[in-house]
Amino acid sequence: VALKVLVMQILFTGVEALSISTVLAIGIGAIINIIGVS
């Protein structure tokens, strides 16, 4: 009976946070790479 609650929680917590995770991951990884290369 709680399966819908589980699915909605994954949608909100995981799927809807992909955009901000992408920006942070690429930005931080790029900063570390640039500092390392330099």
PDB file of all heavy atoms in Angstrom:
ATOM      1  N   VAL A   1       0.839  -1.203   0.000  1.00  0.00           N
ATOM      2  CA  VAL A   1       0.000   0.000   0.000  1.00  0.00           C
ATOM      3  C   VAL A   1       0.875   1.255   0.000  1.00  0.00           C
ATOM      4  O   VAL A   1       0.413   2.342  -0.346  1.00  0.00           O
ATOM      5  CB  VAL A   1      -0.927   0.011   1.235  1.00  0.00           C
ATOM      6  CG1 VAL A   1      -1.927  -1.108   1.143  1.00  0.00           C
ATOM      7  CG2 VAL A   1      -0.119  -0.085   2.529  1.00  0.00           C
ATOM      8  N   ALA A   2       2.153   1.107   0.401  1.00  0.00           N
ATOM      9  CA  ALA A   2       3.043   2.262   0.490  1.00  0.00           C
ATOM     10  C   ALA A   2       3.990   2.355  -0.699  1.00  0.00           C
ATOM     11  O   ALA A   2       4.897   3.189  -0.687  1.00  0.00           O
ATOM     12  CB  ALA A   2       3.855   2.195   1.792  1.00  0.00           C
ATOM     13  N   LEU A   3       3.792   1.522  -1.712  1.00  0.00           N
ATOM     14  CA  LEU A   3       4.695   1.518  -2.853  1.00  0.00           C
ATOM     15  C   LEU A   3       4.672   2.850  -3.593  1.00  0.00           C
ATOM     16  O   LEU A   3       5.704   3.342  -4.049  1.00  0.00           O
ATOM     17  CB  LEU A   3       4.329   0.380  -3.807  1.00  0.00           C
ATOM     18  CG  LEU A   3       5.272   0.169  -4.992  1.00  0.00           C
ATOM     19  CD1 LEU A   3       6.682  -0.139  -4.499  1.00  0.00           C
ATOM     20  CD2 LEU A   3       4.761  -0.959  -5.884  1.00  0.00           C
ATOM     21  N   LYS A   4       3.488   3.447  -3.704  1.00  0.00           N
ATOM     22  CA  LYS A   4       3.381   4.739  -4.374  1.00  0.00           C
ATOM     23  C   LYS A   4       4.158   5.809  -3.621  1.00  0.00           C
ATOM     24  O   LYS A   4       4.795   6.667  -4.240  1.00  0.00           O
ATOM     25  CB  LYS A   4       1.907   5.155  -4.490  1.00  0.00           C
ATOM     26  CG  LYS A   4       1.706   6.466  -5.217  1.00  0.00           C
ATOM     27  CD  LYS A   4       0.231   6.821  -5.339  1.00  0.00           C
ATOM     28  CE  LYS A   4       0.058   8.149  -6.056  1.00  0.00           C
ATOM     29  NZ  LYS A   4      -1.383   8.515  -6.177  1.00  0.00           N
ATOM     30  N   VAL A   5       4.128   5.763  -2.291  1.00  0.00           N
ATOM     31  CA  VAL A   5       4.894   6.712  -1.486  1.00  0.00           C
ATOM     32  C   VAL A   5       6.386   6.546  -1.752  1.00  0.00           C
ATOM     33  O   VAL A   5       7.126   7.522  -1.881  1.00  0.00           O
ATOM     34  CB  VAL A   5       4.590   6.526   0.015  1.00  0.00           C
ATOM     35  CG1 VAL A   5       5.364   7.542   0.849  1.00  0.00           C
ATOM     36  CG2 VAL A   5       3.101   6.642   0.278  1.00  0.00           C
ATOM     37  N   LEU A   6       6.843   5.299  -1.854  1.00  0.00           N
ATOM     38  CA  LEU A   6       8.251   5.019  -2.140  1.00  0.00           C
ATOM     39  C   LEU A   6       8.660   5.569  -3.500  1.00  0.00           C
ATOM     40  O   LEU A   6       9.703   6.218  -3.638  1.00  0.00           O
ATOM     41  CB  LEU A   6       8.496   3.506  -2.088  1.00  0.00           C
ATOM     42  CG  LEU A   6       9.877   3.014  -2.539  1.00  0.00           C
ATOM     43  CD1 LEU A   6      10.978   3.588  -1.661  1.00  0.00           C
ATOM     44  CD2 LEU A   6       9.920   1.488  -2.527  1.00  0.00           C
ATOM     45  N   VAL A   7       7.833   5.324  -4.509  1.00  0.00           N
ATOM     46  CA  VAL A   7       8.138   5.803  -5.862  1.00  0.00           C
ATOM     47  C   VAL A   7       8.192   7.326  -5.904  1.00  0.00           C
ATOM     48  O   VAL A   7       9.100   7.919  -6.504  1.00  0.00           O
ATOM     49  CB  VAL A   7       7.097   5.262  -6.865  1.00  0.00           C
ATOM     50  CG1 VAL A   7       7.301   5.893  -8.239  1.00  0.00           C
ATOM     51  CG2 VAL A   7       7.189   3.744  -6.963  1.00  0.00           C
ATOM     52  N   MET A   8       7.230   7.990  -5.271  1.00  0.00           N
ATOM     53  CA  MET A   8       7.207   9.447  -5.259  1.00  0.00           C
ATOM     54  C   MET A   8       8.401  10.024  -4.502  1.00  0.00           C
ATOM     55  O   MET A   8       8.945  11.066  -4.880  1.00  0.00           O
ATOM     56  CB  MET A   8       5.898   9.941  -4.632  1.00  0.00           C
ATOM     57  CG  MET A   8       4.655   9.603  -5.443  1.00  0.00           C
ATOM     58  SD  MET A   8       4.701  10.262  -7.127  1.00  0.00           S
ATOM     59  CE  MET A   8       4.702  12.026  -6.793  1.00  0.00           C
ATOM     60  N   GLN A   9       8.838   9.323  -3.451  1.00  0.00           N
ATOM     61  CA  GLN A   9       9.992   9.797  -2.702  1.00  0.00           C
ATOM     62  C   GLN A   9      11.268   9.687  -3.535  1.00  0.00           C
ATOM     63  O   GLN A   9      12.109  10.599  -3.521  1.00  0.00           O
ATOM     64  CB  GLN A   9      10.153   8.982  -1.413  1.00  0.00           C
ATOM     65  CG  GLN A   9      11.213   9.529  -0.465  1.00  0.00           C
ATOM     66  CD  GLN A   9      10.863  10.909   0.045  1.00  0.00           C
ATOM     67  OE1 GLN A   9       9.814  11.133   0.627  1.00  0.00           O
ATOM     68  NE2 GLN A   9      11.758  11.861  -0.195  1.00  0.00           N
ATOM     69  N   ILE A  10      11.419   8.596  -4.264  1.00  0.00           N
ATOM     70  CA  ILE A  10      12.575   8.444  -5.146  1.00  0.00           C
ATOM     71  C   ILE A  10      12.543   9.504  -6.243  1.00  0.00           C
ATOM     72  O   ILE A  10      13.577  10.084  -6.609  1.00  0.00           O
ATOM     73  CB  ILE A  10      12.611   7.026  -5.750  1.00  0.00           C
ATOM     74  CG1 ILE A  10      12.873   5.991  -4.658  1.00  0.00           C
ATOM     75  CG2 ILE A  10      13.664   6.926  -6.843  1.00  0.00           C
ATOM     76  CD1 ILE A  10      12.828   4.559  -5.136  1.00  0.00           C
ATOM     77  N   LEU A  11      11.359   9.772  -6.780  1.00  0.00           N
ATOM     78  CA  LEU A  11      11.217  10.792  -7.828  1.00  0.00           C
ATOM     79  C   LEU A  11      11.649  12.154  -7.310  1.00  0.00           C
ATOM     80  O   LEU A  11      12.414  12.869  -7.975  1.00  0.00           O
ATOM     81  CB  LEU A  11       9.764  10.843  -8.306  1.00  0.00           C
ATOM     82  CG  LEU A  11       9.432  11.928  -9.333  1.00  0.00           C
ATOM     83  CD1 LEU A  11      10.190  11.701 -10.623  1.00  0.00           C
ATOM     84  CD2 LEU A  11       7.932  11.987  -9.598  1.00  0.00           C
ATOM     85  N   PHE A  12      11.177  12.520  -6.120  1.00  0.00           N
ATOM     86  CA  PHE A  12      11.503  13.843  -5.571  1.00  0.00           C
ATOM     87  C   PHE A  12      12.962  13.934  -5.125  1.00  0.00           C
ATOM     88  O   PHE A  12      13.661  14.894  -5.440  1.00  0.00           O
ATOM     89  CB  PHE A  12      10.585  14.158  -4.387  1.00  0.00           C
ATOM     90  CG  PHE A  12      10.916  15.444  -3.693  1.00  0.00           C
ATOM     91  CD1 PHE A  12      10.604  16.670  -4.273  1.00  0.00           C
ATOM     92  CD2 PHE A  12      11.561  15.441  -2.463  1.00  0.00           C
ATOM     93  CE1 PHE A  12      10.922  17.859  -3.642  1.00  0.00           C
ATOM     94  CE2 PHE A  12      11.885  16.630  -1.816  1.00  0.00           C
ATOM     95  CZ  PHE A  12      11.564  17.836  -2.406  1.00  0.00           C
ATOM     96  N   THR A  13      13.424  12.920  -4.394  1.00  0.00           N
ATOM     97  CA  THR A  13      14.768  12.979  -3.830  1.00  0.00           C
ATOM     98  C   THR A  13      15.847  12.716  -4.867  1.00  0.00           C
ATOM     99  O   THR A  13      16.882  13.394  -4.874  1.00  0.00           O
ATOM    100  CB  THR A  13      14.910  11.957  -2.685  1.00  0.00           C
ATOM    101  OG1 THR A  13      13.919  12.220  -1.697  1.00  0.00           O
ATOM    102  CG2 THR A  13      16.284  12.043  -2.045  1.00  0.00           C
ATOM    103  N   GLY A  14      15.619  11.744  -5.731  1.00  0.00           N
ATOM    104  CA  GLY A  14      16.649  11.360  -6.685  1.00  0.00           C
ATOM    105  C   GLY A  14      16.550  12.038  -8.031  1.00  0.00           C
ATOM    106  O   GLY A  14      17.457  12.767  -8.444  1.00  0.00           O
ATOM    107  N   VAL A  15      15.437  11.831  -8.728  1.00  0.00           N
ATOM    108  CA  VAL A  15      15.316  12.303 -10.107  1.00  0.00           C
ATOM    109  C   VAL A  15      15.342  13.825 -10.189  1.00  0.00           C
ATOM    110  O   VAL A  15      16.056  14.411 -11.016  1.00  0.00           O
ATOM    111  CB  VAL A  15      14.024  11.751 -10.750  1.00  0.00           C
ATOM    112  CG1 VAL A  15      13.859  12.295 -12.171  1.00  0.00           C
ATOM    113  CG2 VAL A  15      14.049  10.231 -10.757  1.00  0.00           C
ATOM    114  N   GLU A  16      14.604  14.489  -9.317  1.00  0.00           N
ATOM    115  CA  GLU A  16      14.517  15.942  -9.389  1.00  0.00           C
ATOM    116  C   GLU A  16      15.789  16.637  -8.900  1.00  0.00           C
ATOM    117  O   GLU A  16      15.924  17.851  -9.061  1.00  0.00           O
ATOM    118  CB  GLU A  16      13.309  16.426  -8.593  1.00  0.00           C
ATOM    119  CG  GLU A  16      11.980  15.984  -9.183  1.00  0.00           C
ATOM    120  CD  GLU A  16      10.787  16.548  -8.441  1.00  0.00           C
ATOM    121  OE1 GLU A  16      10.990  17.390  -7.548  1.00  0.00           O
ATOM    122  OE2 GLU A  16       9.653  16.141  -8.751  1.00  0.00           O
ATOM    123  N   ALA A  17      16.714  15.896  -8.313  1.00  0.00           N
ATOM    124  CA  ALA A  17      17.979  16.485  -7.855  1.00  0.00           C
ATOM    125  C   ALA A  17      19.116  16.252  -8.850  1.00  0.00           C
ATOM    126  O   ALA A  17      20.256  16.630  -8.573  1.00  0.00           O
ATOM    127  CB  ALA A  17      18.358  15.911  -6.496  1.00  0.00           C
ATOM    128  N   LEU A  18      18.820  15.636  -9.994  1.00  0.00           N
ATOM    129  CA  LEU A  18      19.874  15.333 -10.958  1.00  0.00           C
ATOM    130  C   LEU A  18      20.523  16.586 -11.536  1.00  0.00           C
ATOM    131  O   LEU A  18      21.738  16.619 -11.769  1.00  0.00           O
ATOM    132  CB  LEU A  18      19.304  14.476 -12.099  1.00  0.00           C
ATOM    133  CG  LEU A  18      18.921  13.041 -11.739  1.00  0.00           C
ATOM    134  CD1 LEU A  18      18.332  12.334 -12.954  1.00  0.00           C
ATOM    135  CD2 LEU A  18      20.119  12.276 -11.209  1.00  0.00           C
ATOM    136  N   SER A  19      19.723  17.617 -11.764  1.00  0.00           N
ATOM    137  CA  SER A  19      20.268  18.825 -12.391  1.00  0.00           C
ATOM    138  C   SER A  19      21.312  19.503 -11.511  1.00  0.00           C
ATOM    139  O   SER A  19      22.415  19.828 -11.966  1.00  0.00           O
ATOM    140  CB  SER A  19      19.139  19.803 -12.724  1.00  0.00           C
ATOM    141  OG  SER A  19      18.405  20.129 -11.542  1.00  0.00           O
ATOM    142  N   ILE A  20      20.990  19.709 -10.243  1.00  0.00           N
ATOM    143  CA  ILE A  20      21.945  20.357  -9.350  1.00  0.00           C
ATOM    144  C   ILE A  20      23.154  19.462  -9.096  1.00  0.00           C
ATOM    145  O   ILE A  20      24.285  19.947  -8.968  1.00  0.00           O
ATOM    146  CB  ILE A  20      21.263  20.756  -8.016  1.00  0.00           C
ATOM    147  CG1 ILE A  20      22.226  21.577  -7.152  1.00  0.00           C
ATOM    148  CG2 ILE A  20      20.778  19.533  -7.261  1.00  0.00           C
ATOM    149  CD1 ILE A  20      21.570  22.152  -5.917  1.00  0.00           C
ATOM    150  N   SER A  21      22.958  18.145  -9.073  1.00  0.00           N
ATOM    151  CA  SER A  21      24.087  17.229  -8.911  1.00  0.00           C
ATOM    152  C   SER A  21      25.016  17.295 -10.116  1.00  0.00           C
ATOM    153  O   SER A  21      26.243  17.228  -9.967  1.00  0.00           O
ATOM    154  CB  SER A  21      23.575  15.793  -8.721  1.00  0.00           C
ATOM    155  OG  SER A  21      22.839  15.662  -7.531  1.00  0.00           O
ATOM    156  N   THR A  22      24.440  17.428 -11.308  1.00  0.00           N
ATOM    157  CA  THR A  22      25.257  17.525 -12.518  1.00  0.00           C
ATOM    158  C   THR A  22      26.145  18.762 -12.487  1.00  0.00           C
ATOM    159  O   THR A  22      27.352  18.688 -12.764  1.00  0.00           O
ATOM    160  CB  THR A  22      24.349  17.574 -13.761  1.00  0.00           C
ATOM    161  OG1 THR A  22      23.515  16.413 -13.790  1.00  0.00           O
ATOM    162  CG2 THR A  22      25.173  17.648 -15.030  1.00  0.00           C
ATOM    163  N   VAL A  23      25.564  19.894 -12.148  1.00  0.00           N
ATOM    164  CA  VAL A  23      26.327  21.149 -12.104  1.00  0.00           C
ATOM    165  C   VAL A  23      27.450  21.072 -11.080  1.00  0.00           C
ATOM    166  O   VAL A  23      28.603  21.436 -11.364  1.00  0.00           O
ATOM    167  CB  VAL A  23      25.385  22.335 -11.794  1.00  0.00           C
ATOM    168  CG1 VAL A  23      26.195  23.612 -11.600  1.00  0.00           C
ATOM    169  CG2 VAL A  23      24.354  22.515 -12.905  1.00  0.00           C
ATOM    170  N   LEU A  24      27.130  20.582  -9.882  1.00  0.00           N
ATOM    171  CA  LEU A  24      28.147  20.480  -8.832  1.00  0.00           C
ATOM    172  C   LEU A  24      29.249  19.500  -9.209  1.00  0.00           C
ATOM    173  O   LEU A  24      30.439  19.779  -9.004  1.00  0.00           O
ATOM    174  CB  LEU A  24      27.494  20.056  -7.515  1.00  0.00           C
ATOM    175  CG  LEU A  24      26.685  21.118  -6.770  1.00  0.00           C
ATOM    176  CD1 LEU A  24      26.045  20.500  -5.525  1.00  0.00           C
ATOM    177  CD2 LEU A  24      27.555  22.286  -6.369  1.00  0.00           C
ATOM    178  N   ALA A  25      28.875  18.355  -9.743  1.00  0.00           N
ATOM    179  CA  ALA A  25      29.860  17.328 -10.079  1.00  0.00           C
ATOM    180  C   ALA A  25      30.822  17.816 -11.165  1.00  0.00           C
ATOM    181  O   ALA A  25      32.046  17.691 -11.029  1.00  0.00           O
ATOM    182  CB  ALA A  25      29.154  16.055 -10.529  1.00  0.00           C
ATOM    183  N   ILE A  26      30.276  18.376 -12.241  1.00  0.00           N
ATOM    184  CA  ILE A  26      31.127  18.855 -13.328  1.00  0.00           C
ATOM    185  C   ILE A  26      31.995  20.016 -12.858  1.00  0.00           C
ATOM    186  O   ILE A  26      33.191  20.081 -13.156  1.00  0.00           O
ATOM    187  CB  ILE A  26      30.266  19.268 -14.536  1.00  0.00           C
ATOM    188  CG1 ILE A  26      29.587  18.035 -15.137  1.00  0.00           C
ATOM    189  CG2 ILE A  26      31.110  19.970 -15.588  1.00  0.00           C
ATOM    190  CD1 ILE A  26      28.665  18.352 -16.295  1.00  0.00           C
ATOM    191  N   GLY A  27      31.403  20.931 -12.098  1.00  0.00           N
ATOM    192  CA  GLY A  27      32.163  22.092 -11.628  1.00  0.00           C
ATOM    193  C   GLY A  27      33.297  21.706 -10.700  1.00  0.00           C
ATOM    194  O   GLY A  27      34.449  22.147 -10.881  1.00  0.00           O
ATOM    195  N   ILE A  28      33.022  20.868  -9.711  1.00  0.00           N
ATOM    196  CA  ILE A  28      34.059  20.476  -8.751  1.00  0.00           C
ATOM    197  C   ILE A  28      35.117  19.613  -9.421  1.00  0.00           C
ATOM    198  O   ILE A  28      36.320  19.788  -9.195  1.00  0.00           O
ATOM    199  CB  ILE A  28      33.422  19.743  -7.556  1.00  0.00           C
ATOM    200  CG1 ILE A  28      32.586  20.725  -6.739  1.00  0.00           C
ATOM    201  CG2 ILE A  28      34.481  19.093  -6.678  1.00  0.00           C
ATOM    202  CD1 ILE A  28      31.796  20.098  -5.626  1.00  0.00           C
ATOM    203  N   GLY A  29      34.682  18.662 -10.258  1.00  0.00           N
ATOM    204  CA  GLY A  29      35.656  17.838 -10.978  1.00  0.00           C
ATOM    205  C   GLY A  29      36.550  18.671 -11.876  1.00  0.00           C
ATOM    206  O   GLY A  29      37.772  18.434 -11.948  1.00  0.00           O
ATOM    207  N   ALA A  30      35.977  19.650 -12.550  1.00  0.00           N
ATOM    208  CA  ALA A  30      36.774  20.512 -13.428  1.00  0.00           C
ATOM    209  C   ALA A  30      37.777  21.344 -12.634  1.00  0.00           C
ATOM    210  O   ALA A  30      38.931  21.509 -13.050  1.00  0.00           O
ATOM    211  CB  ALA A  30      35.846  21.424 -14.230  1.00  0.00           C
ATOM    212  N   ILE A  31      37.359  21.860 -11.489  1.00  0.00           N
ATOM    213  CA  ILE A  31      38.263  22.657 -10.657  1.00  0.00           C
ATOM    214  C   ILE A  31      39.453  21.828 -10.197  1.00  0.00           C
ATOM    215  O   ILE A  31      40.614  22.264 -10.258  1.00  0.00           O
ATOM    216  CB  ILE A  31      37.505  23.232  -9.448  1.00  0.00           C
ATOM    217  CG1 ILE A  31      36.510  24.299  -9.899  1.00  0.00           C
ATOM    218  CG2 ILE A  31      38.482  23.831  -8.423  1.00  0.00           C
ATOM    219  CD1 ILE A  31      35.568  24.767  -8.812  1.00  0.00           C
ATOM    220  N   ILE A  32      39.169  20.594  -9.730  1.00  0.00           N
ATOM    221  CA  ILE A  32      40.263  19.722  -9.282  1.00  0.00           C
ATOM    222  C   ILE A  32      41.195  19.389 -10.443  1.00  0.00           C
ATOM    223  O   ILE A  32      42.432  19.403 -10.292  1.00  0.00           O
ATOM    224  CB  ILE A  32      39.681  18.429  -8.670  1.00  0.00           C
ATOM    225  CG1 ILE A  32      38.839  18.761  -7.431  1.00  0.00           C
ATOM    226  CG2 ILE A  32      40.807  17.467  -8.301  1.00  0.00           C
ATOM    227  CD1 ILE A  32      38.076  17.566  -6.880  1.00  0.00           C
ATOM    228  N   ASN A  33      40.620  19.115 -11.611  1.00  0.00           N
ATOM    229  CA  ASN A  33      41.444  18.807 -12.789  1.00  0.00           C
ATOM    230  C   ASN A  33      42.325  19.978 -13.195  1.00  0.00           C
ATOM    231  O   ASN A  33      43.515  19.805 -13.483  1.00  0.00           O
ATOM    232  CB  ASN A  33      40.545  18.408 -13.964  1.00  0.00           C
ATOM    233  CG  ASN A  33      40.122  16.948 -13.895  1.00  0.00           C
ATOM    234  OD1 ASN A  33      40.877  16.104 -13.440  1.00  0.00           O
ATOM    235  ND2 ASN A  33      38.913  16.662 -14.339  1.00  0.00           N
ATOM    236  N   ILE A  34      41.735  21.159 -13.234  1.00  0.00           N
ATOM    237  CA  ILE A  34      42.482  22.339 -13.671  1.00  0.00           C
ATOM    238  C   ILE A  34      43.614  22.648 -12.693  1.00  0.00           C
ATOM    239  O   ILE A  34      44.751  22.955 -13.092  1.00  0.00           O
ATOM    240  CB  ILE A  34      41.527  23.545 -13.812  1.00  0.00           C
ATOM    241  CG1 ILE A  34      40.564  23.309 -14.978  1.00  0.00           C
ATOM    242  CG2 ILE A  34      42.323  24.831 -14.033  1.00  0.00           C
ATOM    243  CD1 ILE A  34      39.454  24.325 -15.083  1.00  0.00           C
ATOM    244  N   ILE A  35      43.334  22.571 -11.406  1.00  0.00           N
ATOM    245  CA  ILE A  35      44.388  22.803 -10.409  1.00  0.00           C
ATOM    246  C   ILE A  35      45.480  21.743 -10.533  1.00  0.00           C
ATOM    247  O   ILE A  35      46.681  22.043 -10.468  1.00  0.00           O
ATOM    248  CB  ILE A  35      43.796  22.794  -8.982  1.00  0.00           C
ATOM    249  CG1 ILE A  35      42.860  23.992  -8.797  1.00  0.00           C
ATOM    250  CG2 ILE A  35      44.904  22.823  -7.931  1.00  0.00           C
ATOM    251  CD1 ILE A  35      42.141  24.007  -7.461  1.00  0.00           C
ATOM    252  N   GLY A  36      45.083  20.486 -10.726  1.00  0.00           N
ATOM    253  CA  GLY A  36      46.070  19.413 -10.857  1.00  0.00           C
ATOM    254  C   GLY A  36      46.942  19.577 -12.076  1.00  0.00           C
ATOM    255  O   GLY A  36      48.169  19.412 -12.008  1.00  0.00           O
ATOM    256  N   VAL A  37      46.333  19.912 -13.211  1.00  0.00           N
ATOM    257  CA  VAL A  37      47.091  20.108 -14.447  1.00  0.00           C
ATOM    258  C   VAL A  37      48.032  21.297 -14.336  1.00  0.00           C
ATOM    259  O   VAL A  37      49.141  21.294 -14.888  1.00  0.00           O
ATOM    260  CB  VAL A  37      46.117  20.286 -15.634  1.00  0.00           C
ATOM    261  CG1 VAL A  37      46.854  20.759 -16.870  1.00  0.00           C
ATOM    262  CG2 VAL A  37      45.405  18.979 -15.925  1.00  0.00           C
ATOM    263  N   SER A  38      47.633  22.310 -13.596  1.00  0.00           N
ATOM    264  CA  SER A  38      48.433  23.529 -13.483  1.00  0.00           C
ATOM    265  C   SER A  38      49.563  23.413 -12.468  1.00  0.00           C
ATOM    266  O   SER A  38      50.645  23.974 -12.674  1.00  0.00           O
ATOM    267  CB  SER A  38      47.527  24.713 -13.106  1.00  0.00           C
ATOM    268  OG  SER A  38      46.479  24.864 -14.033  1.00  0.00           O
TER     269      SER A  38
END
